[in-house]
N, C-alpha and C. Protein backbone atom coordinates (compact mmCIF):
# COMPACT_ATOMS: atom_id res chain seq x y z
N MET A 1 0.85 -1.19 0.00
CA MET A 1 0.00 0.00 0.00
C MET A 1 0.89 1.24 0.00
N SER A 2 0.61 2.15 -0.91
CA SER A 2 1.43 3.36 -1.04
C SER A 2 1.00 4.42 -0.04
N ASN A 3 1.97 5.07 0.53
CA ASN A 3 1.70 6.16 1.47
C ASN A 3 1.99 7.51 0.82
N GLY A 4 2.14 7.53 -0.51
CA GLY A 4 2.47 8.76 -1.21
C GLY A 4 3.96 9.04 -1.24
N ARG A 5 4.76 8.11 -0.76
CA ARG A 5 6.22 8.29 -0.74
C ARG A 5 6.94 7.10 -1.37
N SER A 6 6.26 6.42 -2.25
CA SER A 6 6.83 5.22 -2.89
C SER A 6 7.77 5.60 -4.03
N ARG A 7 8.45 4.61 -4.55
CA ARG A 7 9.32 4.80 -5.71
C ARG A 7 8.51 5.38 -6.87
N ALA A 8 7.33 4.82 -7.11
CA ALA A 8 6.48 5.32 -8.20
C ALA A 8 6.06 6.77 -7.95
N ASP A 9 5.74 7.10 -6.69
CA ASP A 9 5.35 8.48 -6.36
C ASP A 9 6.51 9.45 -6.61
N LEU A 10 7.72 9.04 -6.28
CA LEU A 10 8.89 9.88 -6.52
C LEU A 10 9.07 10.12 -8.01
N LEU A 11 8.96 9.08 -8.81
CA LEU A 11 9.13 9.23 -10.26
C LEU A 11 8.06 10.13 -10.86
N LYS A 12 6.81 10.01 -10.38
CA LYS A 12 5.73 10.90 -10.83
C LYS A 12 6.03 12.34 -10.42
N PHE A 13 6.56 12.52 -9.22
CA PHE A 13 6.91 13.85 -8.72
C PHE A 13 8.00 14.49 -9.60
N ILE A 14 9.00 13.72 -9.97
CA ILE A 14 10.07 14.25 -10.83
C ILE A 14 9.49 14.67 -12.18
N ASP A 15 8.61 13.84 -12.75
CA ASP A 15 7.95 14.21 -14.01
C ASP A 15 7.15 15.50 -13.84
N TRP A 16 6.43 15.62 -12.74
CA TRP A 16 5.62 16.80 -12.46
C TRP A 16 6.49 18.06 -12.38
N MET A 17 7.65 17.94 -11.72
CA MET A 17 8.55 19.09 -11.62
C MET A 17 9.03 19.53 -13.00
N GLY A 18 9.32 18.57 -13.86
CA GLY A 18 9.73 18.90 -15.23
C GLY A 18 8.59 19.52 -16.02
N ASP A 19 7.38 18.94 -15.89
CA ASP A 19 6.22 19.46 -16.61
C ASP A 19 5.86 20.88 -16.18
N LYS A 20 6.06 21.19 -14.91
CA LYS A 20 5.72 22.52 -14.37
C LYS A 20 6.89 23.51 -14.50
N ASN A 21 7.95 23.08 -15.16
CA ASN A 21 9.14 23.92 -15.35
C ASN A 21 9.76 24.36 -14.03
N LEU A 22 9.65 23.52 -13.01
CA LEU A 22 10.31 23.78 -11.75
C LEU A 22 11.77 23.33 -11.82
N LEU A 23 12.08 22.52 -12.83
CA LEU A 23 13.43 22.06 -13.11
C LEU A 23 13.61 22.13 -14.62
N PRO A 24 14.84 22.36 -15.09
CA PRO A 24 15.07 22.20 -16.53
C PRO A 24 14.74 20.76 -16.94
N ALA A 25 14.24 20.61 -18.13
CA ALA A 25 13.82 19.28 -18.60
C ALA A 25 14.96 18.26 -18.52
N ASN A 26 16.18 18.68 -18.87
CA ASN A 26 17.31 17.75 -18.81
C ASN A 26 17.59 17.30 -17.38
N THR A 27 17.45 18.22 -16.44
CA THR A 27 17.69 17.88 -15.03
C THR A 27 16.65 16.88 -14.54
N ALA A 28 15.38 17.14 -14.87
CA ALA A 28 14.31 16.21 -14.47
C ALA A 28 14.55 14.84 -15.09
N SER A 29 14.91 14.82 -16.36
CA SER A 29 15.16 13.56 -17.05
C SER A 29 16.34 12.82 -16.41
N SER A 30 17.42 13.54 -16.08
CA SER A 30 18.59 12.92 -15.46
C SER A 30 18.27 12.37 -14.08
N ARG A 31 17.51 13.15 -13.30
CA ARG A 31 17.14 12.67 -11.96
C ARG A 31 16.28 11.42 -12.06
N LYS A 32 15.34 11.42 -12.99
CA LYS A 32 14.44 10.27 -13.11
C LYS A 32 15.21 9.03 -13.57
N ALA A 33 16.10 9.20 -14.54
CA ALA A 33 16.89 8.06 -15.02
C ALA A 33 17.75 7.50 -13.90
N SER A 34 18.37 8.38 -13.12
CA SER A 34 19.22 7.92 -12.01
C SER A 34 18.39 7.19 -10.96
N ALA A 35 17.24 7.77 -10.61
CA ALA A 35 16.38 7.15 -9.60
C ALA A 35 15.87 5.80 -10.10
N ASN A 36 15.45 5.74 -11.35
CA ASN A 36 14.98 4.47 -11.92
C ASN A 36 16.05 3.40 -11.83
N MET A 37 17.27 3.77 -12.19
CA MET A 37 18.36 2.82 -12.22
C MET A 37 18.70 2.33 -10.81
N VAL A 38 18.93 3.25 -9.89
CA VAL A 38 19.39 2.88 -8.55
C VAL A 38 18.26 2.24 -7.74
N PHE A 39 17.06 2.78 -7.82
CA PHE A 39 15.95 2.24 -7.04
C PHE A 39 15.46 0.91 -7.58
N SER A 40 15.95 0.50 -8.75
CA SER A 40 15.53 -0.79 -9.30
C SER A 40 16.02 -1.95 -8.43
N ILE A 41 17.02 -1.72 -7.58
CA ILE A 41 17.53 -2.81 -6.74
C ILE A 41 16.72 -2.97 -5.46
N LEU A 42 15.78 -2.05 -5.20
CA LEU A 42 14.98 -2.13 -3.98
C LEU A 42 13.94 -3.25 -4.07
N SER A 43 13.69 -3.88 -2.95
CA SER A 43 12.59 -4.84 -2.89
C SER A 43 11.29 -4.04 -2.85
N GLU A 44 10.19 -4.72 -3.06
CA GLU A 44 8.89 -4.02 -3.03
C GLU A 44 8.64 -3.37 -1.67
N ASP A 45 9.05 -4.06 -0.59
CA ASP A 45 8.87 -3.50 0.76
C ASP A 45 9.69 -2.23 0.95
N GLU A 46 10.92 -2.23 0.44
CA GLU A 46 11.78 -1.05 0.57
C GLU A 46 11.28 0.11 -0.27
N ALA A 47 10.63 -0.19 -1.40
CA ALA A 47 10.18 0.84 -2.33
C ALA A 47 8.91 1.55 -1.88
N VAL A 48 8.32 1.12 -0.78
CA VAL A 48 7.08 1.73 -0.30
C VAL A 48 7.31 3.15 0.21
N ASP A 49 8.45 3.39 0.86
CA ASP A 49 8.77 4.74 1.35
C ASP A 49 10.24 5.04 1.06
N VAL A 50 10.47 5.69 -0.09
CA VAL A 50 11.85 5.98 -0.49
C VAL A 50 12.46 7.11 0.32
N THR A 51 11.62 7.89 1.03
CA THR A 51 12.15 8.99 1.82
C THR A 51 12.85 8.50 3.08
N SER A 52 12.64 7.26 3.46
CA SER A 52 13.28 6.72 4.66
C SER A 52 14.53 5.90 4.35
N ILE A 53 14.91 5.85 3.09
CA ILE A 53 16.05 5.04 2.68
C ILE A 53 17.36 5.76 3.01
N ASN A 54 18.33 5.00 3.48
CA ASN A 54 19.67 5.54 3.70
C ASN A 54 20.38 5.51 2.35
N LEU A 55 20.59 6.71 1.77
CA LEU A 55 21.14 6.80 0.42
C LEU A 55 22.56 6.25 0.33
N ASP A 56 23.36 6.45 1.37
CA ASP A 56 24.73 5.92 1.35
C ASP A 56 24.71 4.39 1.26
N ASP A 57 23.85 3.76 2.05
CA ASP A 57 23.75 2.30 2.01
C ASP A 57 23.23 1.82 0.66
N LEU A 58 22.23 2.53 0.13
CA LEU A 58 21.66 2.15 -1.16
C LEU A 58 22.71 2.24 -2.26
N MET A 59 23.50 3.31 -2.26
CA MET A 59 24.52 3.47 -3.29
C MET A 59 25.62 2.40 -3.14
N MET A 60 25.93 2.02 -1.91
CA MET A 60 26.90 0.96 -1.70
C MET A 60 26.37 -0.35 -2.30
N ARG A 61 25.10 -0.65 -2.05
CA ARG A 61 24.49 -1.86 -2.60
C ARG A 61 24.48 -1.82 -4.13
N PHE A 62 24.11 -0.66 -4.67
CA PHE A 62 24.07 -0.51 -6.12
C PHE A 62 25.48 -0.69 -6.71
N GLY A 63 26.46 -0.07 -6.06
CA GLY A 63 27.85 -0.20 -6.50
C GLY A 63 28.34 -1.62 -6.43
N ASN A 64 27.95 -2.35 -5.39
CA ASN A 64 28.35 -3.75 -5.26
C ASN A 64 27.74 -4.60 -6.37
N LYS A 65 26.52 -4.26 -6.76
CA LYS A 65 25.83 -5.06 -7.77
C LYS A 65 26.27 -4.68 -9.18
N TYR A 66 26.42 -3.38 -9.44
CA TYR A 66 26.69 -2.93 -10.80
C TYR A 66 27.98 -2.12 -10.95
N GLY A 67 28.82 -2.13 -9.94
CA GLY A 67 30.03 -1.30 -9.94
C GLY A 67 30.94 -1.53 -11.13
N GLN A 68 30.94 -2.73 -11.70
CA GLN A 68 31.79 -3.01 -12.84
C GLN A 68 31.33 -2.22 -14.07
N LYS A 69 30.05 -1.90 -14.14
CA LYS A 69 29.50 -1.20 -15.30
C LYS A 69 29.66 0.32 -15.20
N TYR A 70 29.84 0.84 -13.98
CA TYR A 70 29.87 2.29 -13.78
C TYR A 70 31.14 2.70 -13.06
N GLY A 71 31.70 3.81 -13.48
CA GLY A 71 32.87 4.36 -12.80
C GLY A 71 32.46 5.08 -11.53
N THR A 72 33.44 5.44 -10.72
CA THR A 72 33.19 6.16 -9.48
C THR A 72 32.49 7.47 -9.75
N GLY A 73 32.91 8.17 -10.81
CA GLY A 73 32.29 9.46 -11.16
C GLY A 73 30.81 9.31 -11.46
N SER A 74 30.47 8.27 -12.19
CA SER A 74 29.06 8.03 -12.52
C SER A 74 28.25 7.74 -11.27
N LEU A 75 28.79 6.92 -10.39
CA LEU A 75 28.08 6.59 -9.15
C LEU A 75 27.88 7.83 -8.30
N LEU A 76 28.88 8.70 -8.24
CA LEU A 76 28.74 9.94 -7.47
C LEU A 76 27.70 10.86 -8.10
N THR A 77 27.66 10.89 -9.42
CA THR A 77 26.65 11.70 -10.12
C THR A 77 25.25 11.19 -9.83
N TYR A 78 25.06 9.87 -9.91
CA TYR A 78 23.75 9.29 -9.61
C TYR A 78 23.33 9.63 -8.18
N LYS A 79 24.27 9.49 -7.26
CA LYS A 79 23.97 9.78 -5.85
C LYS A 79 23.56 11.24 -5.68
N SER A 80 24.26 12.15 -6.31
CA SER A 80 23.93 13.57 -6.22
C SER A 80 22.54 13.86 -6.79
N ARG A 81 22.24 13.29 -7.93
CA ARG A 81 20.93 13.50 -8.56
C ARG A 81 19.81 12.95 -7.68
N ILE A 82 20.04 11.75 -7.13
CA ILE A 82 19.00 11.15 -6.29
C ILE A 82 18.85 11.93 -5.00
N ARG A 83 19.95 12.38 -4.42
CA ARG A 83 19.87 13.17 -3.18
C ARG A 83 19.02 14.43 -3.42
N SER A 84 19.27 15.12 -4.54
CA SER A 84 18.50 16.33 -4.86
C SER A 84 17.02 15.99 -5.07
N ALA A 85 16.76 14.91 -5.79
CA ALA A 85 15.38 14.51 -6.03
C ALA A 85 14.67 14.16 -4.72
N LEU A 86 15.36 13.43 -3.84
CA LEU A 86 14.76 13.06 -2.55
C LEU A 86 14.54 14.28 -1.66
N GLU A 87 15.48 15.23 -1.65
CA GLU A 87 15.30 16.44 -0.85
C GLU A 87 14.06 17.20 -1.29
N ASP A 88 13.90 17.37 -2.61
CA ASP A 88 12.72 18.06 -3.13
C ASP A 88 11.45 17.28 -2.81
N PHE A 89 11.51 15.96 -2.99
CA PHE A 89 10.34 15.11 -2.75
C PHE A 89 9.91 15.16 -1.29
N LYS A 90 10.88 15.05 -0.37
CA LYS A 90 10.57 15.13 1.06
C LYS A 90 9.96 16.48 1.41
N SER A 91 10.55 17.53 0.89
CA SER A 91 10.04 18.88 1.15
C SER A 91 8.61 19.02 0.65
N TYR A 92 8.34 18.50 -0.53
CA TYR A 92 7.00 18.58 -1.09
C TYR A 92 6.01 17.75 -0.26
N CYS A 93 6.42 16.55 0.14
CA CYS A 93 5.54 15.69 0.94
C CYS A 93 5.20 16.33 2.29
N GLU A 94 6.17 17.03 2.89
CA GLU A 94 5.94 17.66 4.18
C GLU A 94 4.99 18.85 4.08
N ASN A 95 5.12 19.67 3.04
CA ASN A 95 4.23 20.81 2.89
C ASN A 95 4.19 21.26 1.43
N PRO A 96 3.24 20.74 0.66
CA PRO A 96 3.16 21.08 -0.77
C PRO A 96 2.93 22.58 -1.03
N LEU A 97 2.27 23.26 -0.09
CA LEU A 97 1.95 24.67 -0.31
C LEU A 97 3.17 25.59 -0.24
N THR A 98 4.17 25.22 0.53
CA THR A 98 5.35 26.07 0.65
C THR A 98 6.56 25.49 -0.09
N PHE A 99 6.33 24.48 -0.92
CA PHE A 99 7.43 23.81 -1.60
C PHE A 99 8.13 24.73 -2.59
N LYS A 100 9.45 24.72 -2.53
CA LYS A 100 10.30 25.37 -3.52
C LYS A 100 11.44 24.41 -3.85
N PRO A 101 11.72 24.22 -5.13
CA PRO A 101 12.80 23.30 -5.50
C PRO A 101 14.14 23.76 -4.93
N THR A 102 15.01 22.79 -4.62
CA THR A 102 16.30 23.11 -4.03
C THR A 102 17.39 23.27 -5.06
N GLY A 103 17.07 23.07 -6.34
CA GLY A 103 18.10 23.12 -7.38
C GLY A 103 18.85 24.42 -7.40
N LYS A 104 20.15 24.34 -7.61
CA LYS A 104 20.99 25.53 -7.70
C LYS A 104 21.10 25.92 -9.16
N SER A 105 21.03 27.21 -9.43
CA SER A 105 21.25 27.64 -10.80
C SER A 105 22.75 27.76 -11.01
N ARG A 106 23.18 27.28 -12.15
CA ARG A 106 24.61 27.31 -12.47
C ARG A 106 24.82 28.25 -13.64
N PRO A 107 25.99 28.86 -13.69
CA PRO A 107 26.26 29.70 -14.84
C PRO A 107 26.33 28.87 -16.11
N ARG A 108 25.90 29.44 -17.18
CA ARG A 108 25.87 28.75 -18.45
C ARG A 108 27.00 29.27 -19.32
N ALA A 109 27.57 28.41 -20.12
CA ALA A 109 28.58 28.85 -21.07
C ALA A 109 27.86 29.43 -22.27
N ARG A 110 28.34 30.54 -22.77
CA ARG A 110 27.77 31.14 -23.97
C ARG A 110 28.36 30.43 -25.17
N VAL A 111 27.50 30.13 -26.13
CA VAL A 111 27.96 29.45 -27.32
C VAL A 111 27.84 30.40 -28.49
N SER A 112 28.91 30.56 -29.24
CA SER A 112 28.86 31.36 -30.45
C SER A 112 29.35 30.51 -31.60
N THR A 113 28.85 30.79 -32.79
CA THR A 113 29.31 30.05 -33.95
C THR A 113 29.94 31.02 -34.93
N ASP A 114 31.03 30.62 -35.50
CA ASP A 114 31.73 31.39 -36.53
C ASP A 114 31.88 30.47 -37.73
N LYS A 115 31.76 31.05 -38.91
CA LYS A 115 31.99 30.27 -40.12
C LYS A 115 33.48 30.10 -40.31
N SER A 116 33.90 28.90 -40.50
CA SER A 116 35.31 28.64 -40.74
C SER A 116 35.57 28.66 -42.24
N ILE A 117 36.80 28.45 -42.63
CA ILE A 117 37.19 28.50 -44.03
C ILE A 117 36.43 27.46 -44.85
N ASN A 118 36.18 26.30 -44.27
CA ASN A 118 35.51 25.24 -45.02
C ASN A 118 33.99 25.39 -45.05
N GLY A 119 33.46 26.47 -44.47
CA GLY A 119 32.03 26.75 -44.52
C GLY A 119 31.23 26.11 -43.41
N LYS A 120 31.85 25.27 -42.58
CA LYS A 120 31.14 24.65 -41.46
C LYS A 120 31.20 25.57 -40.26
N ALA A 121 30.21 25.49 -39.41
CA ALA A 121 30.17 26.33 -38.22
C ALA A 121 31.12 25.78 -37.17
N ASP A 122 31.96 26.64 -36.62
CA ASP A 122 32.81 26.27 -35.50
C ASP A 122 32.08 26.71 -34.23
N ILE A 123 31.90 25.80 -33.29
CA ILE A 123 31.23 26.14 -32.04
C ILE A 123 32.29 26.42 -30.99
N LYS A 124 32.14 27.56 -30.33
CA LYS A 124 33.10 27.95 -29.30
C LYS A 124 32.36 28.11 -27.98
N LEU A 125 32.87 27.47 -26.96
CA LEU A 125 32.31 27.63 -25.62
C LEU A 125 33.06 28.75 -24.93
N GLN A 126 32.31 29.73 -24.44
CA GLN A 126 32.92 30.83 -23.72
C GLN A 126 32.45 30.76 -22.29
N PRO A 127 33.36 30.53 -21.33
CA PRO A 127 32.94 30.42 -19.94
C PRO A 127 32.31 31.72 -19.46
N THR A 128 31.33 31.57 -18.61
CA THR A 128 30.62 32.71 -18.06
C THR A 128 30.85 32.73 -16.55
N THR A 129 31.20 33.86 -16.00
CA THR A 129 31.40 33.94 -14.56
C THR A 129 30.06 34.10 -13.87
N VAL A 130 30.01 33.72 -12.60
CA VAL A 130 28.78 33.79 -11.82
C VAL A 130 28.26 35.23 -11.75
N GLU A 131 29.16 36.20 -11.61
CA GLU A 131 28.74 37.59 -11.47
C GLU A 131 28.03 38.11 -12.71
N SER A 132 28.37 37.58 -13.90
CA SER A 132 27.79 38.11 -15.13
C SER A 132 26.46 37.47 -15.49
N VAL A 133 26.04 36.49 -14.74
CA VAL A 133 24.79 35.82 -15.05
C VAL A 133 23.72 36.27 -14.07
N GLY A 134 22.69 36.92 -14.58
CA GLY A 134 21.61 37.38 -13.71
C GLY A 134 20.51 36.37 -13.59
N VAL A 135 20.15 35.73 -14.69
CA VAL A 135 19.04 34.80 -14.71
C VAL A 135 19.50 33.50 -15.33
N SER A 136 19.11 32.40 -14.73
CA SER A 136 19.47 31.09 -15.26
C SER A 136 18.47 30.73 -16.36
N VAL A 137 18.98 30.30 -17.50
CA VAL A 137 18.16 29.92 -18.63
C VAL A 137 18.17 28.41 -18.74
N ALA A 138 17.00 27.83 -18.94
CA ALA A 138 16.91 26.37 -19.05
C ALA A 138 17.66 25.90 -20.27
N PRO A 139 18.41 24.81 -20.15
CA PRO A 139 19.15 24.29 -21.29
C PRO A 139 18.19 23.71 -22.33
N PRO A 140 18.61 23.66 -23.59
CA PRO A 140 17.74 23.09 -24.61
C PRO A 140 17.56 21.59 -24.41
N LEU A 141 16.45 21.08 -24.88
CA LEU A 141 16.22 19.64 -24.82
C LEU A 141 17.18 18.96 -25.77
N SER A 142 17.76 17.87 -25.36
CA SER A 142 18.63 17.12 -26.25
C SER A 142 18.73 15.69 -25.76
N ALA A 143 19.28 14.86 -26.60
CA ALA A 143 19.44 13.45 -26.24
C ALA A 143 20.87 13.19 -25.78
N VAL A 144 21.59 14.23 -25.45
CA VAL A 144 22.96 14.09 -25.00
C VAL A 144 23.14 14.81 -23.67
N GLN A 145 24.22 14.50 -23.00
CA GLN A 145 24.50 15.12 -21.71
C GLN A 145 25.08 16.50 -21.89
N ILE A 146 24.78 17.38 -20.96
CA ILE A 146 25.47 18.65 -20.83
C ILE A 146 26.13 18.59 -19.47
N LEU A 147 27.44 18.65 -19.48
CA LEU A 147 28.21 18.41 -18.27
C LEU A 147 28.83 19.71 -17.77
N PRO A 148 28.27 20.31 -16.69
CA PRO A 148 28.90 21.52 -16.13
C PRO A 148 30.10 21.12 -15.28
N ILE A 149 31.19 21.85 -15.43
CA ILE A 149 32.40 21.55 -14.68
C ILE A 149 32.91 22.84 -14.05
N ALA A 150 32.93 22.89 -12.71
CA ALA A 150 33.48 24.04 -12.00
C ALA A 150 35.00 23.91 -12.05
N ILE A 151 35.66 24.84 -12.77
CA ILE A 151 37.11 24.72 -12.89
C ILE A 151 37.86 25.69 -11.99
N ARG A 152 37.19 26.75 -11.56
CA ARG A 152 37.75 27.72 -10.62
C ARG A 152 36.58 28.27 -9.81
N PRO A 153 36.89 28.93 -8.69
CA PRO A 153 35.79 29.62 -7.99
C PRO A 153 35.15 30.62 -8.96
N ASN A 154 33.85 30.61 -9.03
CA ASN A 154 33.07 31.52 -9.87
C ASN A 154 33.27 31.30 -11.37
N LEU A 155 33.75 30.14 -11.78
CA LEU A 155 33.91 29.86 -13.20
C LEU A 155 33.54 28.41 -13.48
N THR A 156 32.48 28.24 -14.26
CA THR A 156 32.02 26.92 -14.65
C THR A 156 31.94 26.86 -16.16
N VAL A 157 32.45 25.81 -16.74
CA VAL A 157 32.31 25.60 -18.18
C VAL A 157 31.41 24.39 -18.37
N GLN A 158 30.86 24.30 -19.57
CA GLN A 158 29.99 23.16 -19.86
C GLN A 158 30.51 22.45 -21.09
N ILE A 159 30.46 21.15 -21.03
CA ILE A 159 30.79 20.34 -22.19
C ILE A 159 29.47 19.75 -22.66
N ALA A 160 29.12 20.07 -23.88
CA ALA A 160 27.85 19.61 -24.43
C ALA A 160 28.10 18.61 -25.55
N GLY A 161 27.13 17.80 -25.82
CA GLY A 161 27.21 16.86 -26.92
C GLY A 161 27.78 15.51 -26.55
N LEU A 162 27.97 15.27 -25.26
CA LEU A 162 28.49 13.97 -24.84
C LEU A 162 27.36 12.93 -24.93
N PRO A 163 27.59 11.84 -25.62
CA PRO A 163 26.55 10.81 -25.66
C PRO A 163 26.46 10.10 -24.32
N PHE A 164 25.29 9.60 -24.00
CA PHE A 164 25.10 8.90 -22.73
C PHE A 164 25.93 7.61 -22.68
N ASP A 165 26.27 7.05 -23.83
CA ASP A 165 27.03 5.80 -23.85
C ASP A 165 28.51 6.06 -24.18
N LEU A 166 29.04 7.19 -23.73
CA LEU A 166 30.44 7.54 -23.96
C LEU A 166 31.36 6.45 -23.41
N THR A 167 32.30 6.01 -24.25
CA THR A 167 33.23 4.97 -23.81
C THR A 167 34.44 5.62 -23.14
N GLU A 168 35.20 4.82 -22.43
CA GLU A 168 36.39 5.33 -21.76
C GLU A 168 37.41 5.82 -22.79
N LEU A 169 37.54 5.12 -23.90
CA LEU A 169 38.47 5.52 -24.96
C LEU A 169 38.06 6.88 -25.54
N GLU A 170 36.76 7.07 -25.77
CA GLU A 170 36.28 8.35 -26.29
C GLU A 170 36.51 9.47 -25.28
N ALA A 171 36.29 9.18 -24.00
CA ALA A 171 36.52 10.18 -22.95
C ALA A 171 37.98 10.59 -22.90
N LYS A 172 38.88 9.62 -23.04
CA LYS A 172 40.31 9.93 -23.04
C LYS A 172 40.68 10.80 -24.23
N LYS A 173 40.07 10.53 -25.37
CA LYS A 173 40.33 11.31 -26.57
C LYS A 173 39.92 12.78 -26.34
N ILE A 174 38.75 12.99 -25.75
CA ILE A 174 38.27 14.34 -25.44
C ILE A 174 39.20 15.00 -24.43
N ALA A 175 39.58 14.26 -23.40
CA ALA A 175 40.47 14.81 -22.37
C ALA A 175 41.80 15.25 -22.97
N ASN A 176 42.34 14.47 -23.90
CA ASN A 176 43.61 14.83 -24.54
C ASN A 176 43.48 16.10 -25.36
N ILE A 177 42.34 16.29 -26.01
CA ILE A 177 42.14 17.52 -26.79
C ILE A 177 42.06 18.72 -25.86
N ILE A 178 41.38 18.58 -24.74
CA ILE A 178 41.29 19.67 -23.77
C ILE A 178 42.66 19.97 -23.18
N LEU A 179 43.43 18.92 -22.87
CA LEU A 179 44.80 19.12 -22.35
C LEU A 179 45.67 19.89 -23.33
N ALA A 180 45.45 19.69 -24.61
CA ALA A 180 46.24 20.39 -25.61
C ALA A 180 45.97 21.90 -25.60
N HIS A 181 44.84 22.31 -25.08
CA HIS A 181 44.49 23.74 -25.02
C HIS A 181 44.99 24.42 -23.75
N ALA A 182 45.52 23.66 -22.82
CA ALA A 182 45.96 24.24 -21.55
C ALA A 182 47.23 25.05 -21.75
N THR A 183 47.33 26.15 -20.98
CA THR A 183 48.55 26.96 -20.99
C THR A 183 49.31 26.67 -19.71
N ALA A 184 50.60 26.82 -19.78
CA ALA A 184 51.45 26.51 -18.62
C ALA A 184 51.30 27.49 -17.54
């Protein structure tokens, strides 16, 4: 019997937040995918009230079961997404009338395109500092990840276009290209 705090209730809540534009669509989709994946290891009894679950224990269990398939970074990302989803869900369950999402707005990288010699558009990511961003704009819908990376205090860049099934070899290739742009 559901008490309004079940796994299914959480997933419906995440969808609702995305539908009501309380979260960017990509964020809602990422939270839901992470919750679906990690909460799939719960028994039916455990899934009745996901707000009472110890997330550290759950992630340890998930890592023990599927750790070979996911790197440490991925597991930490899933944990962060689920923690945010659970915080919002608990807050909403406690008092729907005063609910406000806990999501933090992050600075967005500005993208400009220039025509290159061969006629194709070159996309350039320009980091944006926190002070220069007044309003957070929702990212466009896409079937790829947008990965924000805080590289300095008050400076976050985003890497867009990463496929969800990025291989380790592909990641190393991207990392090497970024390393080539570093100055001493």
